[in-house]
């Protein structure tokens, strides 16, 4: 299955987390998700939230730390 993508580079915490929660409420059937963030503070909050939903996460830093790609896969 191709992962769905959320581009939250223009969002800051807590709005990025709220948008992930909103996505999950509508798209909970998705097995994998790629989230693009530029706010490093949002990463920890989003990872904690996704772990509670039984997702595993892998964070990858792109473009010299300016863009964080968070890949979440449902266990």
N, C-alpha and C. Protein backbone atom coordinates (compact mmCIF):
# COMPACT_ATOMS: atom_id res chain seq x y z
N UNK A 1 0.84 -1.18 0.00
CA UNK A 1 0.00 0.00 0.00
C UNK A 1 0.88 1.25 0.00
N UNK A 2 0.56 2.19 -0.82
CA UNK A 2 1.30 3.44 -0.89
C UNK A 2 0.94 4.30 0.32
N UNK A 3 1.94 4.84 1.01
CA UNK A 3 1.64 5.65 2.20
C UNK A 3 0.93 6.95 1.83
N UNK A 4 0.04 7.38 2.69
CA UNK A 4 -0.59 8.68 2.52
C UNK A 4 0.40 9.73 3.02
N UNK A 5 0.25 10.96 2.56
CA UNK A 5 1.18 12.02 2.91
C UNK A 5 0.44 13.20 3.52
N UNK A 6 1.00 13.69 4.62
CA UNK A 6 0.54 14.94 5.22
C UNK A 6 1.70 15.93 5.17
N UNK A 7 1.51 17.05 4.51
CA UNK A 7 2.55 18.07 4.45
C UNK A 7 2.20 19.16 5.46
N UNK A 8 2.89 19.13 6.60
CA UNK A 8 2.63 20.08 7.68
C UNK A 8 3.79 21.04 7.88
N UNK A 9 4.55 21.28 6.83
CA UNK A 9 5.73 22.15 6.94
C UNK A 9 5.38 23.57 7.31
N UNK A 10 4.17 24.01 7.02
CA UNK A 10 3.77 25.38 7.34
C UNK A 10 3.08 25.48 8.70
N UNK A 11 2.96 24.35 9.40
CA UNK A 11 2.28 24.33 10.70
C UNK A 11 3.28 24.24 11.84
N UNK A 12 2.92 24.81 12.97
CA UNK A 12 3.72 24.74 14.18
C UNK A 12 2.91 24.02 15.25
N UNK A 13 3.58 23.59 16.28
CA UNK A 13 2.94 22.92 17.40
C UNK A 13 2.07 23.95 18.12
N UNK A 14 0.87 23.66 18.50
CA UNK A 14 0.20 22.36 18.51
C UNK A 14 -0.64 22.07 17.27
N UNK A 15 -0.68 23.01 16.32
CA UNK A 15 -1.55 22.82 15.15
C UNK A 15 -1.17 21.58 14.34
N UNK A 16 0.12 21.27 14.23
CA UNK A 16 0.54 20.07 13.49
C UNK A 16 -0.05 18.82 14.12
N UNK A 17 0.02 18.72 15.44
CA UNK A 17 -0.55 17.56 16.13
C UNK A 17 -2.06 17.50 15.94
N UNK A 18 -2.73 18.61 16.03
CA UNK A 18 -4.18 18.64 15.84
C UNK A 18 -4.56 18.17 14.44
N UNK A 19 -3.78 18.53 13.45
CA UNK A 19 -4.07 18.09 12.08
C UNK A 19 -3.83 16.59 11.90
N UNK A 20 -2.83 16.04 12.59
CA UNK A 20 -2.62 14.59 12.55
C UNK A 20 -3.79 13.89 13.21
N UNK A 21 -4.25 14.41 14.34
CA UNK A 21 -5.42 13.81 15.02
C UNK A 21 -6.66 13.88 14.13
N UNK A 22 -6.85 14.99 13.46
CA UNK A 22 -7.98 15.14 12.55
C UNK A 22 -7.88 14.14 11.39
N UNK A 23 -6.66 13.97 10.86
CA UNK A 23 -6.45 12.99 9.78
C UNK A 23 -6.81 11.60 10.28
N UNK A 24 -6.35 11.24 11.46
CA UNK A 24 -6.60 9.90 11.99
C UNK A 24 -8.10 9.65 12.18
N UNK A 25 -8.83 10.66 12.64
CA UNK A 25 -10.26 10.51 12.87
C UNK A 25 -11.01 10.17 11.58
N UNK A 26 -10.51 10.65 10.46
CA UNK A 26 -11.17 10.43 9.17
C UNK A 26 -10.55 9.25 8.42
N UNK A 27 -9.23 9.05 8.53
CA UNK A 27 -8.50 8.08 7.71
C UNK A 27 -7.90 6.95 8.53
N UNK A 28 -8.54 6.50 9.57
CA UNK A 28 -7.94 5.52 10.46
C UNK A 28 -7.67 4.17 9.80
N UNK A 29 -8.19 3.93 8.61
CA UNK A 29 -7.96 2.67 7.92
C UNK A 29 -6.59 2.60 7.27
N UNK A 30 -5.91 3.73 7.15
CA UNK A 30 -4.62 3.75 6.44
C UNK A 30 -3.56 3.00 7.23
N UNK A 31 -2.76 2.24 6.53
CA UNK A 31 -1.71 1.46 7.17
C UNK A 31 -0.43 2.26 7.34
N UNK A 32 -0.17 3.20 6.47
CA UNK A 32 1.07 3.96 6.59
C UNK A 32 0.84 5.42 6.20
N UNK A 33 1.67 6.26 6.77
CA UNK A 33 1.53 7.70 6.61
C UNK A 33 2.92 8.33 6.62
N UNK A 34 3.15 9.29 5.74
CA UNK A 34 4.37 10.09 5.76
C UNK A 34 3.97 11.51 6.11
N UNK A 35 4.64 12.05 7.13
CA UNK A 35 4.35 13.40 7.60
C UNK A 35 5.59 14.25 7.39
N UNK A 36 5.45 15.35 6.71
CA UNK A 36 6.56 16.28 6.50
C UNK A 36 6.39 17.46 7.44
N UNK A 37 7.42 17.70 8.26
CA UNK A 37 7.39 18.76 9.27
C UNK A 37 8.64 19.62 9.18
N UNK A 38 8.51 20.88 9.51
CA UNK A 38 9.69 21.73 9.64
C UNK A 38 9.87 22.17 11.09
N UNK A 39 8.89 21.87 11.93
CA UNK A 39 8.93 22.23 13.35
C UNK A 39 9.34 21.01 14.16
N UNK A 40 10.57 21.02 14.66
CA UNK A 40 11.08 19.86 15.38
C UNK A 40 10.33 19.61 16.69
N UNK A 41 9.72 20.63 17.27
CA UNK A 41 8.97 20.44 18.50
C UNK A 41 7.74 19.57 18.30
N UNK A 42 7.19 19.59 17.11
CA UNK A 42 6.00 18.78 16.81
C UNK A 42 6.31 17.30 16.70
N UNK A 43 7.54 16.97 16.37
CA UNK A 43 7.90 15.57 16.12
C UNK A 43 7.64 14.71 17.35
N UNK A 44 8.11 15.15 18.50
CA UNK A 44 7.94 14.34 19.72
C UNK A 44 6.47 14.15 20.07
N UNK A 45 5.69 15.21 19.96
CA UNK A 45 4.27 15.09 20.28
C UNK A 45 3.55 14.16 19.31
N UNK A 46 3.86 14.26 18.04
CA UNK A 46 3.21 13.41 17.04
C UNK A 46 3.65 11.97 17.20
N UNK A 47 4.93 11.74 17.49
CA UNK A 47 5.40 10.37 17.71
C UNK A 47 4.69 9.73 18.91
N UNK A 48 4.58 10.46 20.01
CA UNK A 48 3.89 9.93 21.19
C UNK A 48 2.44 9.57 20.87
N UNK A 49 1.78 10.45 20.15
CA UNK A 49 0.39 10.21 19.78
C UNK A 49 0.27 8.96 18.89
N UNK A 50 1.11 8.85 17.89
CA UNK A 50 1.04 7.71 16.98
C UNK A 50 1.41 6.40 17.67
N UNK A 51 2.33 6.44 18.62
CA UNK A 51 2.68 5.23 19.37
C UNK A 51 1.49 4.74 20.19
N UNK A 52 0.71 5.66 20.74
CA UNK A 52 -0.49 5.25 21.48
C UNK A 52 -1.51 4.58 20.58
N UNK A 53 -1.46 4.89 19.28
CA UNK A 53 -2.38 4.30 18.30
C UNK A 53 -1.79 3.05 17.66
N UNK A 54 -0.69 2.54 18.22
CA UNK A 54 -0.02 1.32 17.75
C UNK A 54 0.65 1.49 16.40
N UNK A 55 1.14 2.71 16.13
CA UNK A 55 1.97 2.94 14.96
C UNK A 55 3.43 2.86 15.39
N UNK A 56 4.29 2.38 14.52
CA UNK A 56 5.72 2.51 14.74
C UNK A 56 6.18 3.68 13.88
N UNK A 57 7.18 4.42 14.35
CA UNK A 57 7.62 5.60 13.62
C UNK A 57 9.11 5.53 13.35
N UNK A 58 9.51 6.18 12.29
CA UNK A 58 10.92 6.34 11.94
C UNK A 58 11.08 7.77 11.44
N UNK A 59 11.96 8.51 12.08
CA UNK A 59 12.17 9.91 11.72
C UNK A 59 13.42 10.05 10.87
N UNK A 60 13.31 10.78 9.80
CA UNK A 60 14.44 11.01 8.89
C UNK A 60 14.59 12.51 8.70
N UNK A 61 15.79 13.03 8.88
CA UNK A 61 16.04 14.45 8.70
C UNK A 61 16.52 14.70 7.28
N UNK A 62 15.91 15.65 6.62
CA UNK A 62 16.24 16.00 5.24
C UNK A 62 16.64 17.47 5.16
N UNK A 63 17.37 17.84 4.16
CA UNK A 63 17.73 19.24 3.90
C UNK A 63 18.38 19.93 5.10
N UNK A 64 19.43 19.32 5.61
CA UNK A 64 20.22 19.92 6.69
C UNK A 64 19.40 20.23 7.93
N UNK A 65 18.45 19.38 8.26
CA UNK A 65 17.68 19.54 9.48
C UNK A 65 16.49 20.46 9.37
N UNK A 66 16.21 20.99 8.20
CA UNK A 66 15.09 21.89 8.05
C UNK A 66 13.77 21.17 7.78
N UNK A 67 13.85 19.94 7.34
CA UNK A 67 12.65 19.18 7.02
C UNK A 67 12.75 17.81 7.67
N UNK A 68 11.75 17.44 8.42
CA UNK A 68 11.74 16.16 9.10
C UNK A 68 10.66 15.30 8.48
N UNK A 69 11.04 14.13 8.02
CA UNK A 69 10.08 13.20 7.44
C UNK A 69 9.80 12.14 8.48
N UNK A 70 8.58 12.06 8.93
CA UNK A 70 8.17 11.10 9.94
C UNK A 70 7.33 10.06 9.24
N UNK A 71 7.81 8.83 9.22
CA UNK A 71 7.07 7.76 8.58
C UNK A 71 6.43 6.90 9.64
N UNK A 72 5.13 6.75 9.58
CA UNK A 72 4.40 5.96 10.55
C UNK A 72 3.75 4.76 9.86
N UNK A 73 3.95 3.59 10.42
CA UNK A 73 3.38 2.37 9.86
C UNK A 73 2.58 1.68 10.95
N UNK A 74 1.38 1.29 10.63
CA UNK A 74 0.50 0.62 11.61
C UNK A 74 0.97 -0.80 11.82
N UNK A 75 1.10 -1.19 13.07
CA UNK A 75 1.55 -2.55 13.40
C UNK A 75 0.45 -3.56 13.13
